[in-house]
Amino acid sequence: MVFNRVDFPAPGIELTDLVGNPVALADYRGQVVLLNNWATWCPPCVQELTVLDRLYKTYRDKGLVVVALSDEPRERLQKFFAQRPAEFREVLG
C-alpha cells in the first residue's frame, strides 16, 4: 500500500468513539486526517497528545482532523480524557 500520495483514499476503517458512536475514515473524505496510534501508559504518547491538540486547534478551520487510535478499554480512555480534555476526536481501535 502507498500512503504518501496526495488524494490517495484512506482504507475503509470503521471504529467506535468513546461514547459508542460509529466512526468511519470515509466520513472525513476531503479533509486532512492525522491518524495517531497511542496508549495511556506511554509517556511520549501522552505528551504528544498536547501537541496534537494544539495542531488541531490551529488547523481545524482548514480541514484538519486528528483521530487518536488506542486499543485500550473504553472506560480507561474515558477516564483519561475526563482528566485531560482534548478537542480533537478520539476513537477506539
PDB file of N, CA and C in Angstrom:
ATOM      1  N   MET A   1       0.824  -1.183   0.000  1.00  0.00           N
ATOM      2  CA  MET A   1       0.000   0.000   0.000  1.00  0.00           C
ATOM      3  C   MET A   1       0.868   1.246   0.000  1.00  0.00           C
ATOM      4  N   VAL A   2       0.446   2.246  -0.714  1.00  0.00           N
ATOM      5  CA  VAL A   2       1.161   3.516  -0.770  1.00  0.00           C
ATOM      6  C   VAL A   2       0.314   4.556  -0.048  1.00  0.00           C
ATOM      7  N   PHE A   3       0.900   5.190   0.966  1.00  0.00           N
ATOM      8  CA  PHE A   3       0.170   6.180   1.745  1.00  0.00           C
ATOM      9  C   PHE A   3       0.765   7.576   1.629  1.00  0.00           C
ATOM     10  N   ASN A   4       1.787   7.747   0.811  1.00  0.00           N
ATOM     11  CA  ASN A   4       2.426   9.056   0.747  1.00  0.00           C
ATOM     12  C   ASN A   4       2.017   9.846  -0.490  1.00  0.00           C
ATOM     13  N   ARG A   5       0.982   9.408  -1.188  1.00  0.00           N
ATOM     14  CA  ARG A   5       0.480  10.136  -2.343  1.00  0.00           C
ATOM     15  C   ARG A   5      -0.655  11.060  -1.929  1.00  0.00           C
ATOM     16  N   VAL A   6      -0.740  12.183  -2.602  1.00  0.00           N
ATOM     17  CA  VAL A   6      -1.849  13.108  -2.371  1.00  0.00           C
ATOM     18  C   VAL A   6      -3.088  12.532  -3.047  1.00  0.00           C
ATOM     19  N   ASP A   7      -4.232  12.721  -2.439  1.00  0.00           N
ATOM     20  CA  ASP A   7      -5.517  12.238  -2.955  1.00  0.00           C
ATOM     21  C   ASP A   7      -5.611  10.725  -2.998  1.00  0.00           C
ATOM     22  N   PHE A   8      -4.828  10.042  -2.195  1.00  0.00           N
ATOM     23  CA  PHE A   8      -4.931   8.578  -2.096  1.00  0.00           C
ATOM     24  C   PHE A   8      -5.991   8.278  -1.051  1.00  0.00           C
ATOM     25  N   PRO A   9      -7.044   7.552  -1.400  1.00  0.00           N
ATOM     26  CA  PRO A   9      -8.116   7.313  -0.422  1.00  0.00           C
ATOM     27  C   PRO A   9      -7.645   6.460   0.757  1.00  0.00           C
ATOM     28  N   ALA A  10      -8.094   6.826   1.929  1.00  0.00           N
ATOM     29  CA  ALA A  10      -7.764   6.057   3.137  1.00  0.00           C
ATOM     30  C   ALA A  10      -8.450   4.705   3.076  1.00  0.00           C
ATOM     31  N   PRO A  11      -7.864   3.709   3.731  1.00  0.00           N
ATOM     32  CA  PRO A  11      -8.524   2.399   3.768  1.00  0.00           C
ATOM     33  C   PRO A  11      -9.875   2.491   4.484  1.00  0.00           C
ATOM     34  N   GLY A  12     -10.756   1.580   4.185  1.00  0.00           N
ATOM     35  CA  GLY A  12     -12.101   1.589   4.768  1.00  0.00           C
ATOM     36  C   GLY A  12     -12.118   1.108   6.204  1.00  0.00           C
ATOM     37  N   ILE A  13     -11.661   1.949   7.108  1.00  0.00           N
ATOM     38  CA  ILE A  13     -11.611   1.600   8.534  1.00  0.00           C
ATOM     39  C   ILE A  13     -12.844   2.162   9.232  1.00  0.00           C
ATOM     40  N   GLU A  14     -13.491   1.314  10.013  1.00  0.00           N
ATOM     41  CA  GLU A  14     -14.624   1.760  10.826  1.00  0.00           C
ATOM     42  C   GLU A  14     -14.330   1.431  12.280  1.00  0.00           C
ATOM     43  N   LEU A  15     -14.525   2.426  13.151  1.00  0.00           N
ATOM     44  CA  LEU A  15     -14.214   2.302  14.569  1.00  0.00           C
ATOM     45  C   LEU A  15     -15.383   2.811  15.395  1.00  0.00           C
ATOM     46  N   THR A  16     -15.185   2.859  16.704  1.00  0.00           N
ATOM     47  CA  THR A  16     -16.210   3.364  17.615  1.00  0.00           C
ATOM     48  C   THR A  16     -15.591   4.433  18.495  1.00  0.00           C
ATOM     49  N   ASP A  17     -16.294   5.563  18.671  1.00  0.00           N
ATOM     50  CA  ASP A  17     -15.747   6.619  19.525  1.00  0.00           C
ATOM     51  C   ASP A  17     -15.991   6.304  20.995  1.00  0.00           C
ATOM     52  N   LEU A  18     -15.610   7.213  21.874  1.00  0.00           N
ATOM     53  CA  LEU A  18     -15.660   6.946  23.310  1.00  0.00           C
ATOM     54  C   LEU A  18     -17.060   6.806  23.881  1.00  0.00           C
ATOM     55  N   VAL A  19     -18.069   7.258  23.151  1.00  0.00           N
ATOM     56  CA  VAL A  19     -19.437   7.095  23.639  1.00  0.00           C
ATOM     57  C   VAL A  19     -20.187   6.013  22.870  1.00  0.00           C
ATOM     58  N   GLY A  20     -19.474   5.302  21.994  1.00  0.00           N
ATOM     59  CA  GLY A  20     -20.074   4.180  21.287  1.00  0.00           C
ATOM     60  C   GLY A  20     -20.610   4.481  19.904  1.00  0.00           C
ATOM     61  N   ASN A  21     -20.407   5.702  19.405  1.00  0.00           N
ATOM     62  CA  ASN A  21     -20.884   6.056  18.069  1.00  0.00           C
ATOM     63  C   ASN A  21     -19.932   5.518  17.008  1.00  0.00           C
ATOM     64  N   PRO A  22     -20.457   5.012  15.898  1.00  0.00           N
ATOM     65  CA  PRO A  22     -19.580   4.528  14.830  1.00  0.00           C
ATOM     66  C   PRO A  22     -18.881   5.688  14.128  1.00  0.00           C
ATOM     67  N   VAL A  23     -17.628   5.463  13.759  1.00  0.00           N
ATOM     68  CA  VAL A  23     -16.815   6.453  13.052  1.00  0.00           C
ATOM     69  C   VAL A  23     -16.103   5.721  11.922  1.00  0.00           C
ATOM     70  N   ALA A  24     -16.209   6.245  10.717  1.00  0.00           N
ATOM     71  CA  ALA A  24     -15.517   5.663   9.571  1.00  0.00           C
ATOM     72  C   ALA A  24     -14.576   6.711   8.997  1.00  0.00           C
ATOM     73  N   LEU A  25     -13.396   6.286   8.585  1.00  0.00           N
ATOM     74  CA  LEU A  25     -12.481   7.246   7.962  1.00  0.00           C
ATOM     75  C   LEU A  25     -13.102   7.878   6.726  1.00  0.00           C
ATOM     76  N   ALA A  26     -13.982   7.154   6.046  1.00  0.00           N
ATOM     77  CA  ALA A  26     -14.654   7.707   4.866  1.00  0.00           C
ATOM     78  C   ALA A  26     -15.488   8.941   5.218  1.00  0.00           C
ATOM     79  N   ASP A  27     -15.888   9.079   6.488  1.00  0.00           N
ATOM     80  CA  ASP A  27     -16.653  10.253   6.921  1.00  0.00           C
ATOM     81  C   ASP A  27     -15.848  11.543   6.768  1.00  0.00           C
ATOM     82  N   TYR A  28     -14.528  11.420   6.698  1.00  0.00           N
ATOM     83  CA  TYR A  28     -13.649  12.579   6.639  1.00  0.00           C
ATOM     84  C   TYR A  28     -13.119  12.837   5.234  1.00  0.00           C
ATOM     85  N   ARG A  29     -13.742  12.231   4.240  1.00  0.00           N
ATOM     86  CA  ARG A  29     -13.294  12.422   2.859  1.00  0.00           C
ATOM     87  C   ARG A  29     -13.229  13.908   2.536  1.00  0.00           C
ATOM     88  N   GLY A  30     -12.126  14.323   1.909  1.00  0.00           N
ATOM     89  CA  GLY A  30     -11.932  15.717   1.553  1.00  0.00           C
ATOM     90  C   GLY A  30     -11.209  16.524   2.615  1.00  0.00           C
ATOM     91  N   GLN A  31     -10.951  15.903   3.776  1.00  0.00           N
ATOM     92  CA  GLN A  31     -10.228  16.578   4.849  1.00  0.00           C
ATOM     93  C   GLN A  31      -8.865  15.927   5.020  1.00  0.00           C
ATOM     94  N   VAL A  32      -7.979  16.618   5.691  1.00  0.00           N
ATOM     95  CA  VAL A  32      -6.674  16.060   6.028  1.00  0.00           C
ATOM     96  C   VAL A  32      -6.830  15.334   7.357  1.00  0.00           C
ATOM     97  N   VAL A  33      -6.544  14.032   7.370  1.00  0.00           N
ATOM     98  CA  VAL A  33      -6.706  13.233   8.577  1.00  0.00           C
ATOM     99  C   VAL A  33      -5.338  12.825   9.113  1.00  0.00           C
ATOM    100  N   LEU A  34      -5.063  13.203  10.354  1.00  0.00           N
ATOM    101  CA  LEU A  34      -3.861  12.772  11.036  1.00  0.00           C
ATOM    102  C   LEU A  34      -4.284  11.634  11.953  1.00  0.00           C
ATOM    103  N   LEU A  35      -3.841  10.442  11.647  1.00  0.00           N
ATOM    104  CA  LEU A  35      -4.197   9.238  12.396  1.00  0.00           C
ATOM    105  C   LEU A  35      -3.045   8.913  13.338  1.00  0.00           C
ATOM    106  N   ASN A  36      -3.306   8.955  14.640  1.00  0.00           N
ATOM    107  CA  ASN A  36      -2.261   8.760  15.634  1.00  0.00           C
ATOM    108  C   ASN A  36      -2.570   7.535  16.489  1.00  0.00           C
ATOM    109  N   ASN A  37      -1.648   6.584  16.521  1.00  0.00           N
ATOM    110  CA  ASN A  37      -1.792   5.392  17.351  1.00  0.00           C
ATOM    111  C   ASN A  37      -1.062   5.657  18.663  1.00  0.00           C
ATOM    112  N   TRP A  38      -1.737   5.504  19.794  1.00  0.00           N
ATOM    113  CA  TRP A  38      -1.165   5.881  21.069  1.00  0.00           C
ATOM    114  C   TRP A  38      -1.693   4.998  22.192  1.00  0.00           C
ATOM    115  N   ALA A  39      -1.166   5.200  23.419  1.00  0.00           N
ATOM    116  CA  ALA A  39      -1.622   4.457  24.598  1.00  0.00           C
ATOM    117  C   ALA A  39      -1.478   5.336  25.834  1.00  0.00           C
ATOM    118  N   THR A  40      -2.353   5.151  26.798  1.00  0.00           N
ATOM    119  CA  THR A  40      -2.309   5.946  28.026  1.00  0.00           C
ATOM    120  C   THR A  40      -1.081   5.629  28.863  1.00  0.00           C
ATOM    121  N   TRP A  41      -0.522   4.433  28.728  1.00  0.00           N
ATOM    122  CA  TRP A  41       0.627   4.007  29.513  1.00  0.00           C
ATOM    123  C   TRP A  41       1.957   4.443  28.894  1.00  0.00           C
ATOM    124  N   CYS A  42       1.914   5.111  27.755  1.00  0.00           N
ATOM    125  CA  CYS A  42       3.111   5.513  27.011  1.00  0.00           C
ATOM    126  C   CYS A  42       3.379   7.005  27.248  1.00  0.00           C
ATOM    127  N   PRO A  43       4.366   7.377  28.099  1.00  0.00           N
ATOM    128  CA  PRO A  43       4.616   8.785  28.384  1.00  0.00           C
ATOM    129  C   PRO A  43       4.836   9.660  27.144  1.00  0.00           C
ATOM    130  N   PRO A  44       5.634   9.242  26.153  1.00  0.00           N
ATOM    131  CA  PRO A  44       5.772  10.090  24.964  1.00  0.00           C
ATOM    132  C   PRO A  44       4.449  10.267  24.216  1.00  0.00           C
ATOM    133  N   CYS A  45       3.612   9.233  24.210  1.00  0.00           N
ATOM    134  CA  CYS A  45       2.304   9.329  23.549  1.00  0.00           C
ATOM    135  C   CYS A  45       1.420  10.357  24.239  1.00  0.00           C
ATOM    136  N   VAL A  46       1.423  10.346  25.561  1.00  0.00           N
ATOM    137  CA  VAL A  46       0.602  11.279  26.335  1.00  0.00           C
ATOM    138  C   VAL A  46       1.079  12.708  26.098  1.00  0.00           C
ATOM    139  N   GLN A  47       2.402  12.929  26.082  1.00  0.00           N
ATOM    140  CA  GLN A  47       2.935  14.264  25.799  1.00  0.00           C
ATOM    141  C   GLN A  47       2.555  14.709  24.390  1.00  0.00           C
ATOM    142  N   GLU A  48       2.580  13.786  23.468  1.00  0.00           N
ATOM    143  CA  GLU A  48       2.268  14.084  22.071  1.00  0.00           C
ATOM    144  C   GLU A  48       0.826  14.565  21.901  1.00  0.00           C
ATOM    145  N   LEU A  49      -0.090  14.087  22.735  1.00  0.00           N
ATOM    146  CA  LEU A  49      -1.492  14.486  22.619  1.00  0.00           C
ATOM    147  C   LEU A  49      -1.674  15.989  22.795  1.00  0.00           C
ATOM    148  N   THR A  50      -0.883  16.606  23.656  1.00  0.00           N
ATOM    149  CA  THR A  50      -0.955  18.057  23.848  1.00  0.00           C
ATOM    150  C   THR A  50      -0.573  18.777  22.565  1.00  0.00           C
ATOM    151  N   VAL A  51       0.472  18.295  21.920  1.00  0.00           N
ATOM    152  CA  VAL A  51       0.925  18.890  20.663  1.00  0.00           C
ATOM    153  C   VAL A  51      -0.128  18.680  19.572  1.00  0.00           C
ATOM    154  N   LEU A  52      -0.696  17.488  19.509  1.00  0.00           N
ATOM    155  CA  LEU A  52      -1.724  17.200  18.506  1.00  0.00           C
ATOM    156  C   LEU A  52      -2.959  18.060  18.720  1.00  0.00           C
ATOM    157  N   ASP A  53      -3.328  18.290  19.967  1.00  0.00           N
ATOM    158  CA  ASP A  53      -4.487  19.127  20.253  1.00  0.00           C
ATOM    159  C   ASP A  53      -4.223  20.570  19.813  1.00  0.00           C
ATOM    160  N   ARG A  54      -3.021  21.068  20.067  1.00  0.00           N
ATOM    161  CA  ARG A  54      -2.653  22.422  19.640  1.00  0.00           C
ATOM    162  C   ARG A  54      -2.652  22.516  18.112  1.00  0.00           C
ATOM    163  N   LEU A  55      -2.118  21.498  17.458  1.00  0.00           N
ATOM    164  CA  LEU A  55      -2.107  21.452  15.996  1.00  0.00           C
ATOM    165  C   LEU A  55      -3.528  21.460  15.452  1.00  0.00           C
ATOM    166  N   TYR A  56      -4.397  20.661  16.070  1.00  0.00           N
ATOM    167  CA  TYR A  56      -5.804  20.607  15.651  1.00  0.00           C
ATOM    168  C   TYR A  56      -6.476  21.975  15.803  1.00  0.00           C
ATOM    169  N   LYS A  57      -6.284  22.622  16.944  1.00  0.00           N
ATOM    170  CA  LYS A  57      -6.903  23.926  17.174  1.00  0.00           C
ATOM    171  C   LYS A  57      -6.430  24.957  16.144  1.00  0.00           C
ATOM    172  N   THR A  58      -5.179  24.843  15.722  1.00  0.00           N
ATOM    173  CA  THR A  58      -4.611  25.784  14.754  1.00  0.00           C
ATOM    174  C   THR A  58      -5.155  25.553  13.348  1.00  0.00           C
ATOM    175  N   TYR A  59      -5.338  24.283  12.953  1.00  0.00           N
ATOM    176  CA  TYR A  59      -5.650  23.966  11.557  1.00  0.00           C
ATOM    177  C   TYR A  59      -7.029  23.346  11.306  1.00  0.00           C
ATOM    178  N   ARG A  60      -7.860  23.232  12.322  1.00  0.00           N
ATOM    179  CA  ARG A  60      -9.172  22.614  12.108  1.00  0.00           C
ATOM    180  C   ARG A  60     -10.021  23.382  11.106  1.00  0.00           C
ATOM    181  N   ASP A  61      -9.891  24.704  11.080  1.00  0.00           N
ATOM    182  CA  ASP A  61     -10.665  25.505  10.131  1.00  0.00           C
ATOM    183  C   ASP A  61     -10.209  25.305   8.691  1.00  0.00           C
ATOM    184  N   LYS A  62      -9.051  24.689   8.529  1.00  0.00           N
ATOM    185  CA  LYS A  62      -8.536  24.387   7.189  1.00  0.00           C
ATOM    186  C   LYS A  62      -8.761  22.929   6.824  1.00  0.00           C
ATOM    187  N   GLY A  63      -9.514  22.199   7.654  1.00  0.00           N
ATOM    188  CA  GLY A  63      -9.892  20.831   7.327  1.00  0.00           C
ATOM    189  C   GLY A  63      -9.106  19.736   8.019  1.00  0.00           C
ATOM    190  N   LEU A  64      -8.269  20.066   9.002  1.00  0.00           N
ATOM    191  CA  LEU A  64      -7.511  19.033   9.703  1.00  0.00           C
ATOM    192  C   LEU A  64      -8.404  18.291  10.693  1.00  0.00           C
ATOM    193  N   VAL A  65      -8.314  16.987  10.667  1.00  0.00           N
ATOM    194  CA  VAL A  65      -8.988  16.125  11.637  1.00  0.00           C
ATOM    195  C   VAL A  65      -7.912  15.276  12.299  1.00  0.00           C
ATOM    196  N   VAL A  66      -7.896  15.231  13.627  1.00  0.00           N
ATOM    197  CA  VAL A  66      -6.964  14.379  14.359  1.00  0.00           C
ATOM    198  C   VAL A  66      -7.763  13.237  14.962  1.00  0.00           C
ATOM    199  N   VAL A  67      -7.358  12.011  14.640  1.00  0.00           N
ATOM    200  CA  VAL A  67      -8.009  10.819  15.174  1.00  0.00           C
ATOM    201  C   VAL A  67      -6.958  10.037  15.942  1.00  0.00           C
ATOM    202  N   ALA A  68      -7.165   9.874  17.237  1.00  0.00           N
ATOM    203  CA  ALA A  68      -6.235   9.130  18.088  1.00  0.00           C
ATOM    204  C   ALA A  68      -6.773   7.723  18.284  1.00  0.00           C
ATOM    205  N   LEU A  69      -5.997   6.732  17.870  1.00  0.00           N
ATOM    206  CA  LEU A  69      -6.406   5.333  17.971  1.00  0.00           C
ATOM    207  C   LEU A  69      -5.744   4.663  19.165  1.00  0.00           C
ATOM    208  N   SER A  70      -6.520   3.927  19.922  1.00  0.00           N
ATOM    209  CA  SER A  70      -5.983   3.155  21.037  1.00  0.00           C
ATOM    210  C   SER A  70      -6.820   1.899  21.187  1.00  0.00           C
ATOM    211  N   ASP A  71      -6.174   0.795  21.521  1.00  0.00           N
ATOM    212  CA  ASP A  71      -6.929  -0.440  21.710  1.00  0.00           C
ATOM    213  C   ASP A  71      -7.208  -0.718  23.185  1.00  0.00           C
ATOM    214  N   GLU A  72      -7.081   0.308  24.008  1.00  0.00           N
ATOM    215  CA  GLU A  72      -7.359   0.163  25.437  1.00  0.00           C
ATOM    216  C   GLU A  72      -8.868   0.162  25.683  1.00  0.00           C
ATOM    217  N   PRO A  73      -9.302  -0.337  26.835  1.00  0.00           N
ATOM    218  CA  PRO A  73     -10.736  -0.350  27.145  1.00  0.00           C
ATOM    219  C   PRO A  73     -11.337   1.059  27.136  1.00  0.00           C
ATOM    220  N   ARG A  74     -12.547   1.145  26.647  1.00  0.00           N
ATOM    221  CA  ARG A  74     -13.239   2.429  26.533  1.00  0.00           C
ATOM    222  C   ARG A  74     -13.294   3.173  27.868  1.00  0.00           C
ATOM    223  N   GLU A  75     -13.549   2.455  28.973  1.00  0.00           N
ATOM    224  CA  GLU A  75     -13.655   3.097  30.284  1.00  0.00           C
ATOM    225  C   GLU A  75     -12.345   3.787  30.662  1.00  0.00           C
ATOM    226  N   ARG A  76     -11.203   3.151  30.381  1.00  0.00           N
ATOM    227  CA  ARG A  76      -9.907   3.742  30.702  1.00  0.00           C
ATOM    228  C   ARG A  76      -9.690   5.019  29.880  1.00  0.00           C
ATOM    229  N   LEU A  77     -10.050   4.972  28.617  1.00  0.00           N
ATOM    230  CA  LEU A  77      -9.887   6.134  27.753  1.00  0.00           C
ATOM    231  C   LEU A  77     -10.820   7.274  28.169  1.00  0.00           C
ATOM    232  N   GLN A  78     -12.053   6.940  28.545  1.00  0.00           N
ATOM    233  CA  GLN A  78     -12.990   7.967  29.004  1.00  0.00           C
ATOM    234  C   GLN A  78     -12.441   8.670  30.252  1.00  0.00           C
ATOM    235  N   LYS A  79     -11.910   7.890  31.178  1.00  0.00           N
ATOM    236  CA  LYS A  79     -11.341   8.462  32.406  1.00  0.00           C
ATOM    237  C   LYS A  79     -10.129   9.334  32.068  1.00  0.00           C
ATOM    238  N   PHE A  80      -9.277   8.850  31.175  1.00  0.00           N
ATOM    239  CA  PHE A  80      -8.094   9.608  30.772  1.00  0.00           C
ATOM    240  C   PHE A  80      -8.489  10.966  30.200  1.00  0.00           C
ATOM    241  N   PHE A  81      -9.428  10.986  29.244  1.00  0.00           N
ATOM    242  CA  PHE A  81      -9.815  12.237  28.602  1.00  0.00           C
ATOM    243  C   PHE A  81     -10.678  13.121  29.506  1.00  0.00           C
ATOM    244  N   ALA A  82     -11.290  12.562  30.527  1.00  0.00           N
ATOM    245  CA  ALA A  82     -12.001  13.391  31.504  1.00  0.00           C
ATOM    246  C   ALA A  82     -11.004  14.231  32.304  1.00  0.00           C
ATOM    247  N   GLN A  83      -9.805  13.684  32.509  1.00  0.00           N
ATOM    248  CA  GLN A  83      -8.765  14.386  33.264  1.00  0.00           C
ATOM    249  C   GLN A  83      -7.905  15.278  32.369  1.00  0.00           C
ATOM    250  N   ARG A  84      -7.833  14.946  31.082  1.00  0.00           N
ATOM    251  CA  ARG A  84      -7.009  15.695  30.119  1.00  0.00           C
ATOM    252  C   ARG A  84      -7.822  15.936  28.859  1.00  0.00           C
ATOM    253  N   PRO A  85      -8.722  16.894  28.890  1.00  0.00           N
ATOM    254  CA  PRO A  85      -9.584  17.119  27.725  1.00  0.00           C
ATOM    255  C   PRO A  85      -8.788  17.453  26.470  1.00  0.00           C
ATOM    256  N   ALA A  86      -9.300  16.993  25.353  1.00  0.00           N
ATOM    257  CA  ALA A  86      -8.718  17.304  24.046  1.00  0.00           C
ATOM    258  C   ALA A  86      -9.871  17.648  23.120  1.00  0.00           C
ATOM    259  N   GLU A  87      -9.647  18.565  22.223  1.00  0.00           N
ATOM    260  CA  GLU A  87     -10.719  18.984  21.313  1.00  0.00           C
ATOM    261  C   GLU A  87     -10.823  18.111  20.075  1.00  0.00           C
ATOM    262  N   PHE A  88      -9.751  17.398  19.736  1.00  0.00           N
ATOM    263  CA  PHE A  88      -9.843  16.544  18.557  1.00  0.00           C
ATOM    264  C   PHE A  88     -10.633  15.288  18.879  1.00  0.00           C
ATOM    265  N   ARG A  89     -11.021  14.572  17.840  1.00  0.00           N
ATOM    266  CA  ARG A  89     -11.881  13.394  18.024  1.00  0.00           C
ATOM    267  C   ARG A  89     -11.019  12.168  18.281  1.00  0.00           C
ATOM    268  N   GLU A  90     -11.247  11.518  19.396  1.00  0.00           N
ATOM    269  CA  GLU A  90     -10.506  10.315  19.725  1.00  0.00           C
ATOM    270  C   GLU A  90     -11.415   9.099  19.550  1.00  0.00           C
ATOM    271  N   VAL A  91     -10.864   8.006  19.081  1.00  0.00           N
ATOM    272  CA  VAL A  91     -11.664   6.818  18.826  1.00  0.00           C
ATOM    273  C   VAL A  91     -10.944   5.579  19.346  1.00  0.00           C
ATOM    274  N   LEU A  92     -11.699   4.523  19.468  1.00  0.00           N
ATOM    275  CA  LEU A  92     -11.115   3.231  19.809  1.00  0.00           C
ATOM    276  C   LEU A  92     -10.715   2.503  18.544  1.00  0.00           C
ATOM    277  N   GLY A  93      -9.748   1.640  18.660  1.00  0.00           N
ATOM    278  CA  GLY A  93      -9.330   0.836  17.510  1.00  0.00           C
ATOM    279  C   GLY A  93      -9.999  -0.506  17.521  1.00  0.00           C
TER     280      GLY A  93
END
